[in-house]
C-alpha atoms as a PDB file:
ATOM      1  CA  MET A   1       0.000   0.000   0.000  1.00  0.00           C
ATOM      2  CA  GLN A   2       1.345   3.421  -0.940  1.00  0.00           C
ATOM      3  CA  PRO A   3       2.049   5.765   1.992  1.00  0.00           C
ATOM      4  CA  MET A   4      -0.155   8.807   2.427  1.00  0.00           C
ATOM      5  CA  PRO A   5       1.349  11.854   0.670  1.00  0.00           C
ATOM      6  CA  PRO A   6       3.562  13.629   3.222  1.00  0.00           C
ATOM      7  CA  PRO A   7       3.224  17.346   3.922  1.00  0.00           C
ATOM      8  CA  PRO A   8       5.264  19.553   1.554  1.00  0.00           C
ATOM      9  CA  ALA A   9       8.861  20.177   2.533  1.00  0.00           C
ATOM     10  CA  GLN A  10      10.433  23.556   3.037  1.00  0.00           C
ATOM     11  CA  PRO A  11      10.645  25.276  -0.376  1.00  0.00           C
ATOM     12  CA  GLY A  12      14.018  24.867  -2.030  1.00  0.00           C
ATOM     13  CA  ASN A  13      15.474  22.583   0.633  1.00  0.00           C
ATOM     14  CA  ILE A  14      15.679  19.129  -0.905  1.00  0.00           C
ATOM     15  CA  TRP A  15      17.523  17.615   2.078  1.00  0.00           C
ATOM     16  CA  TYR A  16      14.645  18.093   4.485  1.00  0.00           C
ATOM     17  CA  GLN A  17      11.928  16.375   2.472  1.00  0.00           C
ATOM     18  CA  ASN A  18       9.352  14.183   4.200  1.00  0.00           C
ATOM     19  CA  PHE A  19       9.605  11.327   1.692  1.00  0.00           C
ATOM     20  CA  TYR A  20      12.364   9.838  -0.472  1.00  0.00           C
ATOM     21  CA  ARG A  21      12.591   7.023  -2.967  1.00  0.00           C
ATOM     22  CA  ILE A  22      15.821   5.460  -4.223  1.00  0.00           C
ATOM     23  CA  ARG A  23      15.729   3.468  -7.446  1.00  0.00           C
ATOM     24  CA  LYS A  24      18.546   1.145  -8.452  1.00  0.00           C
ATOM     25  CA  LYS A  25      19.096   0.057 -12.047  1.00  0.00           C
ATOM     26  CA  VAL A  26      21.354  -2.930 -12.619  1.00  0.00           C
ATOM     27  CA  LEU A  27      23.781  -2.538 -15.514  1.00  0.00           C
ATOM     28  CA  THR A  28      26.269  -4.867 -17.154  1.00  0.00           C
ATOM     29  CA  VAL A  29      29.093  -2.984 -15.436  1.00  0.00           C
ATOM     30  CA  GLY A  30      28.198  -1.157 -12.229  1.00  0.00           C
ATOM     31  CA  ASN A  31      24.833   0.095 -10.984  1.00  0.00           C
ATOM     32  CA  LYS A  32      22.998   3.426 -11.124  1.00  0.00           C
ATOM     33  CA  TYR A  33      20.909   4.990  -8.351  1.00  0.00           C
ATOM     34  CA  TRP A  34      18.320   7.777  -8.553  1.00  0.00           C
ATOM     35  CA  ILE A  35      17.066   9.706  -5.501  1.00  0.00           C
ATOM     36  CA  GLU A  36      13.487  10.926  -5.983  1.00  0.00           C
ATOM     37  CA  ASP A  37      10.863  12.831  -4.013  1.00  0.00           C
ATOM     38  CA  TYR A  38       7.290  11.583  -3.521  1.00  0.00           C
ATOM     39  CA  ASN A  39       6.223  12.816  -6.970  1.00  0.00           C
ATOM     40  CA  GLY A  40       9.141  11.169  -8.748  1.00  0.00           C
ATOM     41  CA  HIS A  41      11.199  14.328  -9.278  1.00  0.00           C
ATOM     42  CA  ILE A  42      14.921  13.573  -9.442  1.00  0.00           C
ATOM     43  CA  LEU A  43      16.872  14.983  -6.487  1.00  0.00           C
ATOM     44  CA  GLY A  44      20.134  13.123  -6.945  1.00  0.00           C
ATOM     45  CA  PHE A  45      21.991  10.533  -8.992  1.00  0.00           C
ATOM     46  CA  SER A  46      24.894   8.182  -8.266  1.00  0.00           C
ATOM     47  CA  LYS A  47      26.821   5.620 -10.297  1.00  0.00           C
ATOM     48  CA  GLN A  48      28.586   2.820  -8.468  1.00  0.00           C
ATOM     49  CA  LYS A  49      32.316   2.585  -9.011  1.00  0.00           C
ATOM     50  CA  LEU A  50      33.997  -0.796  -9.361  1.00  0.00           C
ATOM     51  CA  PHE A  51      37.422  -2.093  -8.390  1.00  0.00           C
ATOM     52  CA  LYS A  52      38.212   0.466  -5.676  1.00  0.00           C
ATOM     53  CA  LEU A  53      40.262   0.114  -2.497  1.00  0.00           C
ATOM     54  CA  LYS A  54      37.953   2.465  -0.592  1.00  0.00           C
ATOM     55  CA  GLU A  55      34.313   3.308  -1.176  1.00  0.00           C
ATOM     56  CA  ASP A  56      34.078   6.791  -2.710  1.00  0.00           C
ATOM     57  CA  ILE A  57      30.439   7.390  -3.580  1.00  0.00           C
ATOM     58  CA  ARG A  58      29.522  10.647  -5.330  1.00  0.00           C
ATOM     59  CA  ILE A  59      25.958  11.941  -5.504  1.00  0.00           C
ATOM     60  CA  TYR A  60      25.188  14.399  -8.300  1.00  0.00           C
ATOM     61  CA  SER A  61      22.173  16.529  -9.176  1.00  0.00           C
ATOM     62  CA  ASP A  62      21.431  14.444 -12.308  1.00  0.00           C
ATOM     63  CA  GLU A  63      22.858  11.940 -14.794  1.00  0.00           C
ATOM     64  CA  SER A  64      25.114  14.531 -16.412  1.00  0.00           C
ATOM     65  CA  MET A  65      27.228  14.335 -13.222  1.00  0.00           C
ATOM     66  CA  SER A  66      28.217  17.975 -13.710  1.00  0.00           C
ATOM     67  CA  GLN A  67      27.191  19.130 -10.223  1.00  0.00           C
ATOM     68  CA  GLU A  68      28.276  17.108  -7.208  1.00  0.00           C
ATOM     69  CA  LEU A  69      25.963  17.497  -4.194  1.00  0.00           C
ATOM     70  CA  PHE A  70      27.525  15.300  -1.522  1.00  0.00           C
ATOM     71  CA  ARG A  71      29.736  12.268  -1.178  1.00  0.00           C
ATOM     72  CA  ILE A  72      30.244   9.239   1.030  1.00  0.00           C
ATOM     73  CA  GLY A  73      33.850   8.411   1.834  1.00  0.00           C
ATOM     74  CA  GLN A  74      35.193   5.297   3.522  1.00  0.00           C
ATOM     75  CA  GLN A  75      37.572   6.407   6.256  1.00  0.00           C
ATOM     76  CA  GLN A  76      40.289   3.761   5.983  1.00  0.00           C
ATOM     77  CA  ILE A  77      41.565   1.232   3.464  1.00  0.00           C
ATOM     78  CA  MET A  78      40.893  -2.378   4.472  1.00  0.00           C
ATOM     79  CA  ASP A  79      38.373  -1.276   7.074  1.00  0.00           C
ATOM     80  CA  MET A  80      36.236  -4.388   7.450  1.00  0.00           C
ATOM     81  CA  TRP A  81      33.866  -2.630   9.829  1.00  0.00           C
ATOM     82  CA  GLY A  82      32.954   0.023   7.292  1.00  0.00           C
ATOM     83  CA  ASN A  83      33.270   3.539   8.726  1.00  0.00           C
ATOM     84  CA  PHE A  84      31.959   6.194   6.340  1.00  0.00           C
ATOM     85  CA  ALA A  85      31.786   9.994   6.378  1.00  0.00           C
ATOM     86  CA  VAL A  86      28.951  11.904   4.704  1.00  0.00           C
ATOM     87  CA  ILE A  87      30.449  15.094   3.271  1.00  0.00           C
ATOM     88  CA  ASP A  88      28.890  18.205   1.735  1.00  0.00           C
ATOM     89  CA  SER A  89      30.663  18.710  -1.587  1.00  0.00           C
ATOM     90  CA  SER A  90      30.446  22.516  -1.686  1.00  0.00           C
ATOM     91  CA  THR A  91      31.936  23.106   1.782  1.00  0.00           C
ATOM     92  CA  ASN A  92      33.729  19.792   2.535  1.00  0.00           C
ATOM     93  CA  ALA A  93      31.929  19.845   5.905  1.00  0.00           C
ATOM     94  CA  HIS A  94      31.338  16.450   7.516  1.00  0.00           C
ATOM     95  CA  LEU A  95      27.592  16.098   8.030  1.00  0.00           C
ATOM     96  CA  GLY A  96      27.791  12.841   9.958  1.00  0.00           C
ATOM     97  CA  TYR A  97      29.195   9.331   9.996  1.00  0.00           C
ATOM     98  CA  ILE A  98      27.854   5.853   9.342  1.00  0.00           C
ATOM     99  CA  LYS A  99      29.279   2.641  10.750  1.00  0.00           C
ATOM    100  CA  ARG A 100      28.440  -0.830   9.504  1.00  0.00           C
ATOM    101  CA  LYS A 101      28.023  -3.552  12.120  1.00  0.00           C
ATOM    102  CA  ALA A 102      30.041  -5.958  10.009  1.00  0.00           C
ATOM    103  CA  LEU A 103      29.658  -9.235  11.902  1.00  0.00           C
ATOM    104  CA  MET A 104      25.946  -8.708  12.510  1.00  0.00           C
ATOM    105  CA  SER A 105      25.317  -7.564   8.928  1.00  0.00           C
ATOM    106  CA  GLY A 106      27.393 -10.339   7.433  1.00  0.00           C
ATOM    107  CA  PHE A 107      25.779 -13.272   9.190  1.00  0.00           C
ATOM    108  CA  ILE A 108      22.494 -12.370  10.918  1.00  0.00           C
ATOM    109  CA  LYS A 109      20.791  -9.103   9.943  1.00  0.00           C
ATOM    110  CA  ASP A 110      21.727  -5.759   8.407  1.00  0.00           C
ATOM    111  CA  GLU A 111      22.546  -3.097  10.985  1.00  0.00           C
ATOM    112  CA  TRP A 112      24.179   0.334  10.654  1.00  0.00           C
ATOM    113  CA  GLU A 113      24.897   2.993  13.270  1.00  0.00           C
ATOM    114  CA  ILE A 114      24.364   6.724  12.617  1.00  0.00           C
ATOM    115  CA  TYR A 115      26.604   9.436  14.107  1.00  0.00           C
ATOM    116  CA  ASN A 116      26.344  13.224  14.008  1.00  0.00           C
ATOM    117  CA  ALA A 117      29.072  15.636  12.878  1.00  0.00           C
ATOM    118  CA  ALA A 118      30.640  15.477  16.367  1.00  0.00           C
ATOM    119  CA  ASN A 119      30.942  11.677  15.967  1.00  0.00           C
ATOM    120  CA  GLN A 120      28.283  11.016  18.631  1.00  0.00           C
ATOM    121  CA  GLN A 121      25.900   8.163  17.954  1.00  0.00           C
ATOM    122  CA  ILE A 122      22.354   9.416  17.416  1.00  0.00           C
ATOM    123  CA  GLY A 123      20.652   6.423  15.859  1.00  0.00           C
ATOM    124  CA  ARG A 124      20.770   3.221  13.887  1.00  0.00           C
ATOM    125  CA  ILE A 125      19.091   1.350  11.046  1.00  0.00           C
ATOM    126  CA  TYR A 126      18.396  -2.348  11.540  1.00  0.00           C
ATOM    127  CA  GLU A 127      16.192  -5.184  10.337  1.00  0.00           C
ATOM    128  CA  SER A 128      14.533  -7.880  12.410  1.00  0.00           C
ATOM    129  CA  THR A 129      16.530 -10.978  13.278  1.00  0.00           C
ATOM    130  CA  VAL A 130      13.957 -13.264  11.640  1.00  0.00           C
ATOM    131  CA  GLY A 131      13.861 -11.201   8.460  1.00  0.00           C
ATOM    132  CA  GLY A 132      17.643 -11.018   8.280  1.00  0.00           C
ATOM    133  CA  LEU A 133      18.129 -14.761   8.751  1.00  0.00           C
ATOM    134  CA  LEU A 134      15.519 -15.557   6.101  1.00  0.00           C
ATOM    135  CA  ARG A 135      17.172 -13.254   3.572  1.00  0.00           C
ATOM    136  CA  LYS A 136      20.711 -14.395   4.324  1.00  0.00           C
ATOM    137  CA  ARG A 137      20.217 -18.122   4.939  1.00  0.00           C
ATOM    138  CA  LEU A 138      17.164 -19.193   2.953  1.00  0.00           C
ATOM    139  CA  PRO A 139      17.850 -20.336  -0.648  1.00  0.00           C
ATOM    140  CA  GLY A 140      16.711 -17.465  -2.837  1.00  0.00           C
ATOM    141  CA  GLY A 141      16.408 -15.275   0.258  1.00  0.00           C
ATOM    142  CA  SER A 142      18.088 -12.336  -1.438  1.00  0.00           C
ATOM    143  CA  LEU A 143      14.834 -11.807  -3.364  1.00  0.00           C
ATOM    144  CA  ILE A 144      12.886 -11.185  -0.149  1.00  0.00           C
ATOM    145  CA  PRO A 145      12.205  -7.419   0.172  1.00  0.00           C
ATOM    146  CA  GLU A 146      14.099  -5.916   3.090  1.00  0.00           C
ATOM    147  CA  LYS A 147      12.331  -3.915   5.794  1.00  0.00           C
ATOM    148  CA  THR A 148      14.499  -1.949   8.205  1.00  0.00           C
ATOM    149  CA  THR A 149      13.699   0.299  11.151  1.00  0.00           C
ATOM    150  CA  LEU A 150      15.190   3.769  11.583  1.00  0.00           C
ATOM    151  CA  GLU A 151      15.786   4.590  15.242  1.00  0.00           C
ATOM    152  CA  ILE A 152      16.809   8.094  16.373  1.00  0.00           C
ATOM    153  CA  TYR A 153      17.740   8.866  19.987  1.00  0.00           C
ATOM    154  CA  GLY A 154      16.501   5.428  21.029  1.00  0.00           C
ATOM    155  CA  ARG A 155      13.056   5.804  19.447  1.00  0.00           C
ATOM    156  CA  PRO A 156      11.841   4.105  16.238  1.00  0.00           C
ATOM    157  CA  VAL A 157      10.744   6.914  13.905  1.00  0.00           C
ATOM    158  CA  ALA A 158      10.469   5.359  10.438  1.00  0.00           C
ATOM    159  CA  GLU A 159      10.737   2.263   8.292  1.00  0.00           C
ATOM    160  CA  ILE A 160      12.776   1.864   5.142  1.00  0.00           C
ATOM    161  CA  ASN A 161      10.835  -0.452   2.845  1.00  0.00           C
ATOM    162  CA  GLN A 162      12.299  -2.231  -0.140  1.00  0.00           C
ATOM    163  CA  LYS A 163       9.906  -3.034  -2.993  1.00  0.00           C
ATOM    164  CA  PHE A 164      10.010  -6.459  -4.608  1.00  0.00           C
ATOM    165  CA  LYS A 165      11.802  -6.552  -7.962  1.00  0.00           C
ATOM    166  CA  ILE A 166      13.586  -9.403  -9.727  1.00  0.00           C
ATOM    167  CA  ILE A 167      16.105  -7.003 -11.271  1.00  0.00           C
ATOM    168  CA  GLY A 168      17.098  -3.774  -9.549  1.00  0.00           C
ATOM    169  CA  ASP A 169      15.796  -2.380  -6.271  1.00  0.00           C
ATOM    170  CA  ILE A 170      13.509   0.359  -4.937  1.00  0.00           C
ATOM    171  CA  TRP A 171      13.664   1.718  -1.378  1.00  0.00           C
ATOM    172  CA  GLU A 172      11.184   4.159   0.172  1.00  0.00           C
ATOM    173  CA  LEU A 173      11.601   6.253   3.314  1.00  0.00           C
ATOM    174  CA  ASN A 174       8.812   8.283   4.926  1.00  0.00           C
ATOM    175  CA  CYS A 175      10.423  10.958   7.121  1.00  0.00           C
ATOM    176  CA  GLN A 176       7.334  12.531   8.693  1.00  0.00           C
ATOM    177  CA  ASN A 177       8.386  11.443  12.209  1.00  0.00           C
ATOM    178  CA  VAL A 178      12.117  12.003  11.704  1.00  0.00           C
ATOM    179  CA  PRO A 179      13.474  15.044  13.640  1.00  0.00           C
ATOM    180  CA  GLN A 180      13.312  17.998  11.251  1.00  0.00           C
ATOM    181  CA  GLU A 181      16.873  19.078  12.047  1.00  0.00           C
ATOM    182  CA  LEU A 182      18.347  15.755  10.902  1.00  0.00           C
ATOM    183  CA  ASP A 183      19.941  16.181   7.461  1.00  0.00           C
ATOM    184  CA  ARG A 184      18.366  13.550   5.195  1.00  0.00           C
ATOM    185  CA  ARG A 185      21.624  13.120   3.295  1.00  0.00           C
ATOM    186  CA  ILE A 186      22.844  10.965   6.181  1.00  0.00           C
ATOM    187  CA  LEU A 187      19.802   8.694   5.928  1.00  0.00           C
ATOM    188  CA  LEU A 188      20.032   8.526   2.129  1.00  0.00           C
ATOM    189  CA  SER A 189      23.690   7.600   2.472  1.00  0.00           C
ATOM    190  CA  CYS A 190      22.688   4.661   4.678  1.00  0.00           C
ATOM    191  CA  ILE A 191      20.305   3.391   2.011  1.00  0.00           C
ATOM    192  CA  LEU A 192      22.875   3.820  -0.760  1.00  0.00           C
ATOM    193  CA  LEU A 193      25.477   1.951   1.273  1.00  0.00           C
ATOM    194  CA  MET A 194      23.047  -0.856   2.013  1.00  0.00           C
ATOM    195  CA  GLY A 195      22.271  -1.089  -1.686  1.00  0.00           C
ATOM    196  CA  MET A 196      25.893  -1.088  -2.794  1.00  0.00           C
ATOM    197  CA  ILE A 197      27.352  -3.250  -0.035  1.00  0.00           C
ATOM    198  CA  GLU A 198      24.630  -5.409   1.519  1.00  0.00           C
ATOM    199  CA  ARG A 199      22.659  -6.045  -1.657  1.00  0.00           C
ATOM    200  CA  GLY A 200      25.683  -6.291  -3.928  1.00  0.00           C
ATOM    201  CA  ARG A 201      25.336 -10.055  -3.970  1.00  0.00           C
ATOM    202  CA  LYS A 202      21.827  -9.940  -5.484  1.00  0.00           C
END
């Protein structure tokens, strides 16, 4: 069932919308991701890079890739735990950090921690243990749509729902209950990382 249309966001501020959709298109070499608002307007675009020592994910305003909006940078080479900085491209300011719970995500269920610009944990994104085990252990489980919970300051505030598709992926995030001051680029970075890292095996 489609979510109810969220209230309009602040005019001109695309990173404080109340709803986002990320579409993934699978290509022969690499994958492409589009960030959309509720009405399907393109807010951002990213193309996955292959054969890199560190994740360096660039998000642009559109497919021309002429204007970079923000980026996600892995902090260390050979960092199995996956520590990532979300960086504003125009100012190079660190907006926040994301940490992958590698052992949990690798074997049981996907889980990521969210940190603010001062490197203080403010939340996490996680799926249920049952759902994670079914997806990771059941034959063909990678086709099961993933449902994760967004928790901020210890309180569940939203769900990130993946739509069923044989090829490609779609994720939707309703932000109506997310604190207004939280920059959505951090949350979108979590979804992009989950798509590129967790779902890379699909």
